[in-house]
């Protein structure tokens, strides 16, 4: 079985972040900052495509974001850490 692609892993990660944000009384329009850890910086453009679909085209709601190359465990290609305000 093939490992999930960067796009698939990013979609799964963002779906989980949506769930956690709602659980904690927030949502993606309240994100203040994001740090994206990538196992391969060459995957950044594919991850960006999924990120923009998720965050929306209204740039007034875009948080500050940093993408960092990192050694991630196993077949993990992306990890995302958010800081968000409560609604």
PDB file of N, CA and C in Angstrom:
ATOM      1  N   UNK A   1       0.842  -1.175   0.000  1.00  0.00           N
ATOM      2  CA  UNK A   1       0.000   0.000   0.000  1.00  0.00           C
ATOM      3  C   UNK A   1       0.892   1.246   0.000  1.00  0.00           C
ATOM      4  N   UNK A   2       0.589   2.174  -0.885  1.00  0.00           N
ATOM      5  CA  UNK A   2       1.380   3.389  -1.013  1.00  0.00           C
ATOM      6  C   UNK A   2       1.131   4.327   0.165  1.00  0.00           C
ATOM      7  N   UNK A   3       2.149   5.061   0.529  1.00  0.00           N
ATOM      8  CA  UNK A   3       2.019   6.060   1.589  1.00  0.00           C
ATOM      9  C   UNK A   3       1.163   7.223   1.082  1.00  0.00           C
ATOM     10  N   UNK A   4       0.418   7.872   1.982  1.00  0.00           N
ATOM     11  CA  UNK A   4      -0.363   9.042   1.559  1.00  0.00           C
ATOM     12  C   UNK A   4       0.550  10.134   1.004  1.00  0.00           C
ATOM     13  N   UNK A   5       0.067  10.844   0.009  1.00  0.00           N
ATOM     14  CA  UNK A   5       0.821  11.943  -0.600  1.00  0.00           C
ATOM     15  C   UNK A   5       0.814  13.144   0.342  1.00  0.00           C
ATOM     16  N   UNK A   6       1.616  14.135   0.017  1.00  0.00           N
ATOM     17  CA  UNK A   6       1.640  15.363   0.806  1.00  0.00           C
ATOM     18  C   UNK A   6       0.262  16.021   0.794  1.00  0.00           C
ATOM     19  N   UNK A   7      -0.416  15.977  -0.350  1.00  0.00           N
ATOM     20  CA  UNK A   7      -1.761  16.566  -0.421  1.00  0.00           C
ATOM     21  C   UNK A   7      -2.728  15.842   0.513  1.00  0.00           C
ATOM     22  N   UNK A   8      -2.704  14.517   0.482  1.00  0.00           N
ATOM     23  CA  UNK A   8      -3.595  13.737   1.348  1.00  0.00           C
ATOM     24  C   UNK A   8      -3.288  13.980   2.821  1.00  0.00           C
ATOM     25  N   UNK A   9      -2.001  13.961   3.172  1.00  0.00           N
ATOM     26  CA  UNK A   9      -1.633  14.194   4.568  1.00  0.00           C
ATOM     27  C   UNK A   9      -2.012  15.601   5.012  1.00  0.00           C
ATOM     28  N   UNK A  10      -1.840  16.589   4.131  1.00  0.00           N
ATOM     29  CA  UNK A  10      -2.204  17.960   4.478  1.00  0.00           C
ATOM     30  C   UNK A  10      -3.706  18.068   4.688  1.00  0.00           C
ATOM     31  N   UNK A  11      -4.509  17.474   3.806  1.00  0.00           N
ATOM     32  CA  UNK A  11      -5.977  17.506   3.964  1.00  0.00           C
ATOM     33  C   UNK A  11      -6.407  16.864   5.274  1.00  0.00           C
ATOM     34  N   UNK A  12      -5.826  15.728   5.602  1.00  0.00           N
ATOM     35  CA  UNK A  12      -6.163  15.045   6.866  1.00  0.00           C
ATOM     36  C   UNK A  12      -5.786  15.900   8.074  1.00  0.00           C
ATOM     37  N   UNK A  13      -4.617  16.490   8.011  1.00  0.00           N
ATOM     38  CA  UNK A  13      -4.145  17.334   9.111  1.00  0.00           C
ATOM     39  C   UNK A  13      -5.055  18.545   9.288  1.00  0.00           C
ATOM     40  N   UNK A  14      -5.425  19.185   8.193  1.00  0.00           N
ATOM     41  CA  UNK A  14      -6.286  20.362   8.280  1.00  0.00           C
ATOM     42  C   UNK A  14      -7.692  19.998   8.751  1.00  0.00           C
ATOM     43  N   UNK A  15      -8.194  18.843   8.356  1.00  0.00           N
ATOM     44  CA  UNK A  15      -9.504  18.388   8.844  1.00  0.00           C
ATOM     45  C   UNK A  15      -9.456  18.177  10.358  1.00  0.00           C
ATOM     46  N   UNK A  16      -8.374  17.602  10.847  1.00  0.00           N
ATOM     47  CA  UNK A  16      -8.226  17.404  12.292  1.00  0.00           C
ATOM     48  C   UNK A  16      -8.104  18.748  13.001  1.00  0.00           C
ATOM     49  N   UNK A  17      -7.387  19.690  12.407  1.00  0.00           N
ATOM     50  CA  UNK A  17      -7.277  21.016  13.008  1.00  0.00           C
ATOM     51  C   UNK A  17      -8.637  21.715  13.045  1.00  0.00           C
ATOM     52  N   UNK A  18      -9.452  21.559  12.001  1.00  0.00           N
ATOM     53  CA  UNK A  18     -10.822  22.096  12.020  1.00  0.00           C
ATOM     54  C   UNK A  18     -11.588  21.538  13.217  1.00  0.00           C
ATOM     55  N   UNK A  19     -11.492  20.223  13.410  1.00  0.00           N
ATOM     56  CA  UNK A  19     -12.201  19.567  14.508  1.00  0.00           C
ATOM     57  C   UNK A  19     -11.750  20.122  15.857  1.00  0.00           C
ATOM     58  N   UNK A  20     -10.454  20.247  16.038  1.00  0.00           N
ATOM     59  CA  UNK A  20      -9.910  20.733  17.306  1.00  0.00           C
ATOM     60  C   UNK A  20     -10.281  22.202  17.529  1.00  0.00           C
ATOM     61  N   UNK A  21     -10.203  23.010  16.487  1.00  0.00           N
ATOM     62  CA  UNK A  21     -10.568  24.420  16.625  1.00  0.00           C
ATOM     63  C   UNK A  21     -12.015  24.571  17.108  1.00  0.00           C
ATOM     64  N   UNK A  22     -12.930  23.835  16.494  1.00  0.00           N
ATOM     65  CA  UNK A  22     -14.338  23.898  16.898  1.00  0.00           C
ATOM     66  C   UNK A  22     -14.499  23.401  18.337  1.00  0.00           C
ATOM     67  N   UNK A  23     -13.846  22.312  18.657  1.00  0.00           N
ATOM     68  CA  UNK A  23     -13.906  21.751  20.010  1.00  0.00           C
ATOM     69  C   UNK A  23     -13.445  22.767  21.057  1.00  0.00           C
ATOM     70  N   UNK A  24     -12.494  23.609  20.695  1.00  0.00           N
ATOM     71  CA  UNK A  24     -11.940  24.591  21.621  1.00  0.00           C
ATOM     72  C   UNK A  24     -12.599  25.967  21.500  1.00  0.00           C
ATOM     73  N   UNK A  25     -13.676  26.047  20.710  1.00  0.00           N
ATOM     74  CA  UNK A  25     -14.413  27.302  20.603  1.00  0.00           C
ATOM     75  C   UNK A  25     -13.802  28.311  19.661  1.00  0.00           C
ATOM     76  N   UNK A  26     -13.226  27.834  18.572  1.00  0.00           N
ATOM     77  CA  UNK A  26     -12.614  28.720  17.602  1.00  0.00           C
ATOM     78  C   UNK A  26     -12.931  28.227  16.200  1.00  0.00           C
ATOM     79  N   UNK A  27     -12.302  28.815  15.204  1.00  0.00           N
ATOM     80  CA  UNK A  27     -12.434  28.351  13.813  1.00  0.00           C
ATOM     81  C   UNK A  27     -11.268  28.913  13.008  1.00  0.00           C
ATOM     82  N   UNK A  28     -11.182  28.523  11.769  1.00  0.00           N
ATOM     83  CA  UNK A  28     -10.006  28.883  10.965  1.00  0.00           C
ATOM     84  C   UNK A  28      -9.881  30.381  10.700  1.00  0.00           C
ATOM     85  N   UNK A  29     -10.972  31.146  10.797  1.00  0.00           N
ATOM     86  CA  UNK A  29     -10.860  32.596  10.611  1.00  0.00           C
ATOM     87  C   UNK A  29     -10.228  33.274  11.816  1.00  0.00           C
ATOM     88  N   UNK A  30     -10.046  32.541  12.911  1.00  0.00           N
ATOM     89  CA  UNK A  30      -9.474  33.085  14.145  1.00  0.00           C
ATOM     90  C   UNK A  30      -8.017  32.665  14.349  1.00  0.00           C
ATOM     91  N   UNK A  31      -7.426  32.023  13.344  1.00  0.00           N
ATOM     92  CA  UNK A  31      -6.028  31.591  13.447  1.00  0.00           C
ATOM     93  C   UNK A  31      -5.128  32.818  13.381  1.00  0.00           C
ATOM     94  N   UNK A  32      -4.242  32.929  14.355  1.00  0.00           N
ATOM     95  CA  UNK A  32      -3.301  34.041  14.410  1.00  0.00           C
ATOM     96  C   UNK A  32      -1.980  33.710  13.727  1.00  0.00           C
ATOM     97  N   UNK A  33      -1.521  32.470  13.917  1.00  0.00           N
ATOM     98  CA  UNK A  33      -0.266  32.058  13.285  1.00  0.00           C
ATOM     99  C   UNK A  33      -0.264  30.553  13.079  1.00  0.00           C
ATOM    100  N   UNK A  34       0.532  30.139  12.115  1.00  0.00           N
ATOM    101  CA  UNK A  34       0.675  28.721  11.800  1.00  0.00           C
ATOM    102  C   UNK A  34       2.138  28.436  11.496  1.00  0.00           C
ATOM    103  N   UNK A  35       2.602  27.307  11.982  1.00  0.00           N
ATOM    104  CA  UNK A  35       3.927  26.813  11.619  1.00  0.00           C
ATOM    105  C   UNK A  35       3.724  25.467  10.957  1.00  0.00           C
ATOM    106  N   UNK A  36       4.204  25.349   9.728  1.00  0.00           N
ATOM    107  CA  UNK A  36       4.067  24.123   8.953  1.00  0.00           C
ATOM    108  C   UNK A  36       5.438  23.469   8.883  1.00  0.00           C
ATOM    109  N   UNK A  37       5.520  22.242   9.367  1.00  0.00           N
ATOM    110  CA  UNK A  37       6.765  21.477   9.321  1.00  0.00           C
ATOM    111  C   UNK A  37       6.662  20.493   8.163  1.00  0.00           C
ATOM    112  N   UNK A  38       7.618  20.554   7.250  1.00  0.00           N
ATOM    113  CA  UNK A  38       7.623  19.686   6.078  1.00  0.00           C
ATOM    114  C   UNK A  38       8.851  18.787   6.087  1.00  0.00           C
ATOM    115  N   UNK A  39       8.627  17.508   5.843  1.00  0.00           N
ATOM    116  CA  UNK A  39       9.744  16.567   5.746  1.00  0.00           C
ATOM    117  C   UNK A  39      10.586  16.850   4.502  1.00  0.00           C
ATOM    118  N   UNK A  40       9.916  17.355   3.455  1.00  0.00           N
ATOM    119  CA  UNK A  40      10.622  17.685   2.208  1.00  0.00           C
ATOM    120  C   UNK A  40      10.159  19.066   1.759  1.00  0.00           C
ATOM    121  N   UNK A  41      11.029  20.022   1.778  1.00  0.00           N
ATOM    122  CA  UNK A  41      10.657  21.377   1.357  1.00  0.00           C
ATOM    123  C   UNK A  41      10.220  21.401  -0.112  1.00  0.00           C
ATOM    124  N   UNK A  42      10.617  20.404  -0.869  1.00  0.00           N
ATOM    125  CA  UNK A  42      10.187  20.319  -2.264  1.00  0.00           C
ATOM    126  C   UNK A  42       8.675  20.076  -2.383  1.00  0.00           C
ATOM    127  N   UNK A  43       8.019  19.692  -1.275  1.00  0.00           N
ATOM    128  CA  UNK A  43       6.567  19.483  -1.255  1.00  0.00           C
ATOM    129  C   UNK A  43       5.786  20.762  -0.955  1.00  0.00           C
ATOM    130  N   UNK A  44       6.482  21.872  -0.729  1.00  0.00           N
ATOM    131  CA  UNK A  44       5.806  23.096  -0.281  1.00  0.00           C
ATOM    132  C   UNK A  44       4.723  23.566  -1.246  1.00  0.00           C
ATOM    133  N   UNK A  45       4.975  23.550  -2.538  1.00  0.00           N
ATOM    134  CA  UNK A  45       3.970  24.064  -3.482  1.00  0.00           C
ATOM    135  C   UNK A  45       2.701  23.210  -3.473  1.00  0.00           C
ATOM    136  N   UNK A  46       2.837  21.890  -3.343  1.00  0.00           N
ATOM    137  CA  UNK A  46       1.653  21.027  -3.263  1.00  0.00           C
ATOM    138  C   UNK A  46       0.899  21.260  -1.961  1.00  0.00           C
ATOM    139  N   UNK A  47       1.635  21.421  -0.858  1.00  0.00           N
ATOM    140  CA  UNK A  47       1.002  21.716   0.417  1.00  0.00           C
ATOM    141  C   UNK A  47       0.304  23.064   0.352  1.00  0.00           C
ATOM    142  N   UNK A  48       0.941  24.071  -0.279  1.00  0.00           N
ATOM    143  CA  UNK A  48       0.351  25.403  -0.421  1.00  0.00           C
ATOM    144  C   UNK A  48      -0.999  25.347  -1.138  1.00  0.00           C
ATOM    145  N   UNK A  49      -1.098  24.537  -2.171  1.00  0.00           N
ATOM    146  CA  UNK A  49      -2.357  24.414  -2.912  1.00  0.00           C
ATOM    147  C   UNK A  49      -3.481  23.958  -1.986  1.00  0.00           C
ATOM    148  N   UNK A  50      -3.226  22.954  -1.179  1.00  0.00           N
ATOM    149  CA  UNK A  50      -4.233  22.445  -0.237  1.00  0.00           C
ATOM    150  C   UNK A  50      -4.507  23.490   0.843  1.00  0.00           C
ATOM    151  N   UNK A  51      -3.475  24.139   1.344  1.00  0.00           N
ATOM    152  CA  UNK A  51      -3.626  25.173   2.378  1.00  0.00           C
ATOM    153  C   UNK A  51      -4.549  26.290   1.895  1.00  0.00           C
ATOM    154  N   UNK A  52      -4.320  26.795   0.675  1.00  0.00           N
ATOM    155  CA  UNK A  52      -5.120  27.899   0.141  1.00  0.00           C
ATOM    156  C   UNK A  52      -6.575  27.464  -0.047  1.00  0.00           C
ATOM    157  N   UNK A  53      -6.798  26.235  -0.515  1.00  0.00           N
ATOM    158  CA  UNK A  53      -8.168  25.718  -0.620  1.00  0.00           C
ATOM    159  C   UNK A  53      -8.845  25.741   0.752  1.00  0.00           C
ATOM    160  N   UNK A  54      -8.107  25.378   1.790  1.00  0.00           N
ATOM    161  CA  UNK A  54      -8.645  25.272   3.148  1.00  0.00           C
ATOM    162  C   UNK A  54      -8.834  26.641   3.798  1.00  0.00           C
ATOM    163  N   UNK A  55      -7.846  27.493   3.729  1.00  0.00           N
ATOM    164  CA  UNK A  55      -7.888  28.776   4.440  1.00  0.00           C
ATOM    165  C   UNK A  55      -8.804  29.771   3.730  1.00  0.00           C
ATOM    166  N   UNK A  56      -8.997  29.599   2.424  1.00  0.00           N
ATOM    167  CA  UNK A  56      -9.889  30.470   1.659  1.00  0.00           C
ATOM    168  C   UNK A  56      -9.127  31.550   0.920  1.00  0.00           C
ATOM    169  N   UNK A  57      -9.775  32.107  -0.060  1.00  0.00           N
ATOM    170  CA  UNK A  57      -9.110  33.089  -0.915  1.00  0.00           C
ATOM    171  C   UNK A  57      -9.128  34.506  -0.334  1.00  0.00           C
ATOM    172  N   UNK A  58      -9.917  34.738   0.726  1.00  0.00           N
ATOM    173  CA  UNK A  58      -9.977  36.059   1.364  1.00  0.00           C
ATOM    174  C   UNK A  58      -8.720  36.263   2.205  1.00  0.00           C
ATOM    175  N   UNK A  59      -7.760  36.945   1.658  1.00  0.00           N
ATOM    176  CA  UNK A  59      -6.462  37.114   2.321  1.00  0.00           C
ATOM    177  C   UNK A  59      -6.542  37.896   3.621  1.00  0.00           C
ATOM    178  N   UNK A  60      -7.657  38.571   3.882  1.00  0.00           N
ATOM    179  CA  UNK A  60      -7.793  39.309   5.144  1.00  0.00           C
ATOM    180  C   UNK A  60      -7.882  38.361   6.335  1.00  0.00           C
ATOM    181  N   UNK A  61      -8.178  37.081   6.091  1.00  0.00           N
ATOM    182  CA  UNK A  61      -8.259  36.088   7.169  1.00  0.00           C
ATOM    183  C   UNK A  61      -7.018  35.195   7.235  1.00  0.00           C
ATOM    184  N   UNK A  62      -6.035  35.462   6.390  1.00  0.00           N
ATOM    185  CA  UNK A  62      -4.849  34.615   6.391  1.00  0.00           C
ATOM    186  C   UNK A  62      -3.977  34.933   7.598  1.00  0.00           C
ATOM    187  N   UNK A  63      -3.589  33.897   8.340  1.00  0.00           N
ATOM    188  CA  UNK A  63      -2.692  34.115   9.475  1.00  0.00           C
ATOM    189  C   UNK A  63      -1.245  34.263   9.005  1.00  0.00           C
ATOM    190  N   UNK A  64      -0.399  34.716   9.900  1.00  0.00           N
ATOM    191  CA  UNK A  64       1.035  34.667   9.641  1.00  0.00           C
ATOM    192  C   UNK A  64       1.406  33.187   9.582  1.00  0.00           C
ATOM    193  N   UNK A  65       2.268  32.815   8.645  1.00  0.00           N
ATOM    194  CA  UNK A  65       2.616  31.407   8.495  1.00  0.00           C
ATOM    195  C   UNK A  65       4.086  31.261   8.165  1.00  0.00           C
ATOM    196  N   UNK A  66       4.694  30.242   8.749  1.00  0.00           N
ATOM    197  CA  UNK A  66       6.074  29.891   8.435  1.00  0.00           C
ATOM    198  C   UNK A  66       6.108  28.426   8.031  1.00  0.00           C
ATOM    199  N   UNK A  67       6.898  28.112   7.019  1.00  0.00           N
ATOM    200  CA  UNK A  67       7.122  26.726   6.602  1.00  0.00           C
ATOM    201  C   UNK A  67       8.572  26.385   6.902  1.00  0.00           C
ATOM    202  N   UNK A  68       8.752  25.276   7.591  1.00  0.00           N
ATOM    203  CA  UNK A  68      10.067  24.891   8.082  1.00  0.00           C
ATOM    204  C   UNK A  68      10.363  23.459   7.659  1.00  0.00           C
ATOM    205  N   UNK A  69      11.544  23.221   7.159  1.00  0.00           N
ATOM    206  CA  UNK A  69      11.977  21.859   6.885  1.00  0.00           C
ATOM    207  C   UNK A  69      12.312  21.163   8.195  1.00  0.00           C
ATOM    208  N   UNK A  70      11.856  19.919   8.347  1.00  0.00           N
ATOM    209  CA  UNK A  70      12.062  19.207   9.608  1.00  0.00           C
ATOM    210  C   UNK A  70      12.179  17.705   9.361  1.00  0.00           C
ATOM    211  N   UNK A  71      12.879  17.038  10.255  1.00  0.00           N
ATOM    212  CA  UNK A  71      12.923  15.582  10.236  1.00  0.00           C
ATOM    213  C   UNK A  71      11.686  15.112  10.998  1.00  0.00           C
ATOM    214  N   UNK A  72      10.770  14.454  10.291  1.00  0.00           N
ATOM    215  CA  UNK A  72       9.531  13.982  10.897  1.00  0.00           C
ATOM    216  C   UNK A  72       9.558  12.462  11.007  1.00  0.00           C
ATOM    217  N   UNK A  73       8.843  11.942  11.958  1.00  0.00           N
ATOM    218  CA  UNK A  73       8.845  10.510  12.248  1.00  0.00           C
ATOM    219  C   UNK A  73       8.153   9.687  11.158  1.00  0.00           C
ATOM    220  N   UNK A  74       8.724   8.534  10.865  1.00  0.00           N
ATOM    221  CA  UNK A  74       8.103   7.581   9.952  1.00  0.00           C
ATOM    222  C   UNK A  74       7.831   8.170   8.582  1.00  0.00           C
ATOM    223  N   UNK A  75       6.600   7.960   8.111  1.00  0.00           N
ATOM    224  CA  UNK A  75       6.209   8.429   6.779  1.00  0.00           C
ATOM    225  C   UNK A  75       5.441   9.748   6.839  1.00  0.00           C
ATOM    226  N   UNK A  76       5.547  10.436   7.972  1.00  0.00           N
ATOM    227  CA  UNK A  76       4.883  11.727   8.124  1.00  0.00           C
ATOM    228  C   UNK A  76       5.580  12.755   7.240  1.00  0.00           C
ATOM    229  N   UNK A  77       4.786  13.450   6.425  1.00  0.00           N
ATOM    230  CA  UNK A  77       5.332  14.462   5.524  1.00  0.00           C
ATOM    231  C   UNK A  77       5.052  15.880   5.990  1.00  0.00           C
ATOM    232  N   UNK A  78       4.015  16.052   6.838  1.00  0.00           N
ATOM    233  CA  UNK A  78       3.619  17.401   7.264  1.00  0.00           C
ATOM    234  C   UNK A  78       3.050  17.364   8.677  1.00  0.00           C
ATOM    235  N   UNK A  79       3.407  18.373   9.444  1.00  0.00           N
ATOM    236  CA  UNK A  79       2.802  18.645  10.751  1.00  0.00           C
ATOM    237  C   UNK A  79       2.541  20.136  10.794  1.00  0.00           C
ATOM    238  N   UNK A  80       1.409  20.518  11.400  1.00  0.00           N
ATOM    239  CA  UNK A  80       1.030  21.927  11.449  1.00  0.00           C
ATOM    240  C   UNK A  80       0.661  22.305  12.882  1.00  0.00           C
ATOM    241  N   UNK A  81       1.232  23.405  13.358  1.00  0.00           N
ATOM    242  CA  UNK A  81       0.937  23.924  14.687  1.00  0.00           C
ATOM    243  C   UNK A  81       0.249  25.280  14.495  1.00  0.00           C
ATOM    244  N   UNK A  82      -0.905  25.455  15.150  1.00  0.00           N
ATOM    245  CA  UNK A  82      -1.662  26.709  15.047  1.00  0.00           C
ATOM    246  C   UNK A  82      -1.756  27.415  16.393  1.00  0.00           C
ATOM    247  N   UNK A  83      -1.855  28.734  16.325  1.00  0.00           N
ATOM    248  CA  UNK A  83      -2.244  29.549  17.467  1.00  0.00           C
ATOM    249  C   UNK A  83      -3.493  30.291  17.002  1.00  0.00           C
ATOM    250  N   UNK A  84      -4.587  30.151  17.773  1.00  0.00           N
ATOM    251  CA  UNK A  84      -5.862  30.760  17.373  1.00  0.00           C
ATOM    252  C   UNK A  84      -6.537  31.382  18.577  1.00  0.00           C
ATOM    253  N   UNK A  85      -7.355  32.400  18.318  1.00  0.00           N
ATOM    254  CA  UNK A  85      -8.144  33.042  19.350  1.00  0.00           C
ATOM    255  C   UNK A  85      -9.496  32.351  19.438  1.00  0.00           C
ATOM    256  N   UNK A  86     -10.112  32.420  20.614  1.00  0.00           N
ATOM    257  CA  UNK A  86     -11.458  31.904  20.775  1.00  0.00           C
ATOM    258  C   UNK A  86     -12.431  32.853  20.098  1.00  0.00           C
ATOM    259  N   UNK A  87     -13.556  32.310  19.663  1.00  0.00           N
ATOM    260  CA  UNK A  87     -14.584  33.161  19.029  1.00  0.00           C
ATOM    261  C   UNK A  87     -15.434  33.810  20.077  1.00  0.00           C
TER     262      UNK A  87
END
